[in-house]
Amino acid sequence: MLNEKTDAIWYHGGQAMIKDMQVVTAATDTGKSTIVVNAVKANASNKWYYDTATTIAGLIGVTYDTAITYGNWTELTANGFEITPTVGDKYIRVVEVDTSYKPVAVGDALLNIG
């Protein structure tokens, strides 16, 4: 019957989370790699930090709404910045953080080293 209605609660939304960020590396000089982040910062005051390791599992983890310990990371001061990773490191993780050092976006890549 047309006048019959069903009571219902509808929820359309999602849980807040860290965005994925594309990170690309390019072998440059001997023992060096240039890091390119294919993303625009969510806010101009945000910063990028990176960590390198021999395995993906060895990279520092990040959790939504939990500030990073920035002393354990190295600031990536510009897009297209050349780094000298520790000998033997094969992976990089770049995290974008807000002014409270809480992660906004994160991306991993295989290091291409010259």
Protein backbone atom coordinates (compact mmCIF):
# COMPACT_ATOMS: atom_id res chain seq x y z
CA MET A 1 0.00 0.00 0.00
CA LEU A 2 1.32 3.41 -0.89
CA ASN A 3 0.82 4.98 2.52
CA GLU A 4 2.88 2.37 4.34
CA LYS A 5 6.37 3.53 5.18
CA THR A 6 9.35 1.80 6.68
CA ASP A 7 11.38 3.44 9.42
CA ALA A 8 15.06 3.44 8.58
CA ILE A 9 18.27 5.16 9.40
CA TRP A 10 20.64 5.74 6.54
CA TYR A 11 24.28 6.62 6.96
CA HIS A 12 26.32 7.69 4.00
CA GLY A 13 29.87 8.59 4.84
CA GLY A 14 33.21 7.20 5.70
CA GLN A 15 35.81 6.97 8.34
CA ALA A 16 38.55 9.59 8.27
CA MET A 17 41.82 8.20 6.98
CA ILE A 18 45.25 9.05 5.65
CA LYS A 19 45.23 9.77 1.92
CA ASP A 20 47.44 7.86 -0.48
CA MET A 21 50.24 9.85 -2.04
CA GLN A 22 52.20 8.84 -5.13
CA VAL A 23 55.97 8.96 -4.62
CA VAL A 24 58.44 8.46 -7.48
CA THR A 25 62.22 8.21 -7.25
CA ALA A 26 64.88 8.73 -9.90
CA ALA A 27 68.51 7.66 -9.79
CA THR A 28 70.70 10.72 -10.02
CA ASP A 29 74.32 10.96 -8.91
CA THR A 30 76.24 8.02 -7.42
CA GLY A 31 74.52 6.93 -4.22
CA LYS A 32 71.76 9.53 -4.63
CA SER A 33 68.08 9.57 -5.51
CA THR A 34 65.69 12.39 -6.38
CA ILE A 35 62.30 12.18 -4.68
CA VAL A 36 59.22 13.45 -6.50
CA VAL A 37 55.84 13.62 -4.79
CA ASN A 38 52.97 13.61 -7.28
CA ALA A 39 50.57 15.46 -5.00
CA VAL A 40 49.77 18.95 -3.88
CA LYS A 41 49.95 19.56 -0.15
CA ALA A 42 46.51 19.73 1.48
CA ASN A 43 47.59 22.98 3.16
CA ALA A 44 50.51 25.28 2.36
CA SER A 45 51.76 25.06 5.96
CA ASN A 46 52.00 21.24 5.82
CA LYS A 47 55.42 19.57 5.57
CA TRP A 48 56.80 16.41 4.02
CA TYR A 49 59.06 14.02 5.90
CA TYR A 50 60.69 10.80 4.73
CA ASP A 51 62.18 7.60 6.06
CA THR A 52 64.25 5.00 4.19
CA ALA A 53 64.82 1.34 5.03
CA THR A 54 66.06 -1.93 3.59
CA THR A 55 62.51 -3.41 3.61
CA ILE A 56 58.97 -2.04 3.51
CA ALA A 57 58.40 -3.52 6.97
CA GLY A 58 61.39 -1.55 8.23
CA LEU A 59 59.82 1.82 7.37
CA ILE A 60 58.38 3.87 10.22
CA GLY A 61 54.62 3.37 10.45
CA VAL A 62 52.06 6.17 10.50
CA THR A 63 48.61 6.23 12.07
CA TYR A 64 45.73 8.57 11.37
CA ASP A 65 45.37 11.34 13.99
CA THR A 66 48.60 10.31 15.78
CA ALA A 67 51.48 12.78 15.50
CA ILE A 68 54.75 11.47 14.11
CA THR A 69 57.94 11.82 16.12
CA TYR A 70 59.51 14.19 13.61
CA GLY A 71 62.99 13.62 15.10
CA ASN A 72 62.84 10.09 13.65
CA TRP A 73 62.15 11.42 10.15
CA THR A 74 64.05 13.64 7.72
CA GLU A 75 62.29 16.68 6.28
CA LEU A 76 61.82 16.66 2.51
CA THR A 77 62.25 20.38 2.02
CA ALA A 78 61.18 20.51 -1.64
CA ASN A 79 59.57 18.39 -4.31
CA GLY A 80 62.27 16.99 -6.57
CA PHE A 81 64.80 17.03 -3.73
CA GLU A 82 67.92 14.84 -4.05
CA ILE A 83 68.70 12.63 -1.04
CA THR A 84 71.58 10.33 -0.08
CA PRO A 85 69.94 7.28 1.51
CA THR A 86 71.80 4.99 3.89
CA VAL A 87 73.76 2.33 1.98
CA GLY A 88 71.56 -0.75 1.56
CA ASP A 89 68.23 1.07 1.93
CA LYS A 90 65.83 0.16 -0.88
CA TYR A 91 62.52 1.77 0.10
CA ILE A 92 61.25 5.21 1.01
CA ARG A 93 58.12 6.41 2.80
CA VAL A 94 57.04 10.04 2.50
CA VAL A 95 54.44 11.44 4.89
CA GLU A 96 52.67 14.78 4.66
CA VAL A 97 51.91 16.18 8.11
CA ASP A 98 49.88 19.14 9.34
CA THR A 99 51.17 21.76 11.79
CA SER A 100 50.53 19.33 14.67
CA TYR A 101 52.68 16.70 12.87
CA LYS A 102 49.62 14.51 12.31
CA PRO A 103 49.71 12.54 9.03
CA VAL A 104 47.50 13.76 6.20
CA ALA A 105 48.89 11.61 3.37
CA VAL A 106 51.51 8.89 2.94
CA GLY A 107 53.21 7.11 0.07
CA ASP A 108 55.91 4.48 -0.41
CA ALA A 109 58.29 3.82 -3.29
CA LEU A 110 61.23 1.69 -4.33
CA LEU A 111 64.39 3.78 -4.20
CA ASN A 112 66.17 4.20 -7.53
CA ILE A 113 69.74 5.06 -6.61
CA GLY A 114 72.50 6.18 -8.96
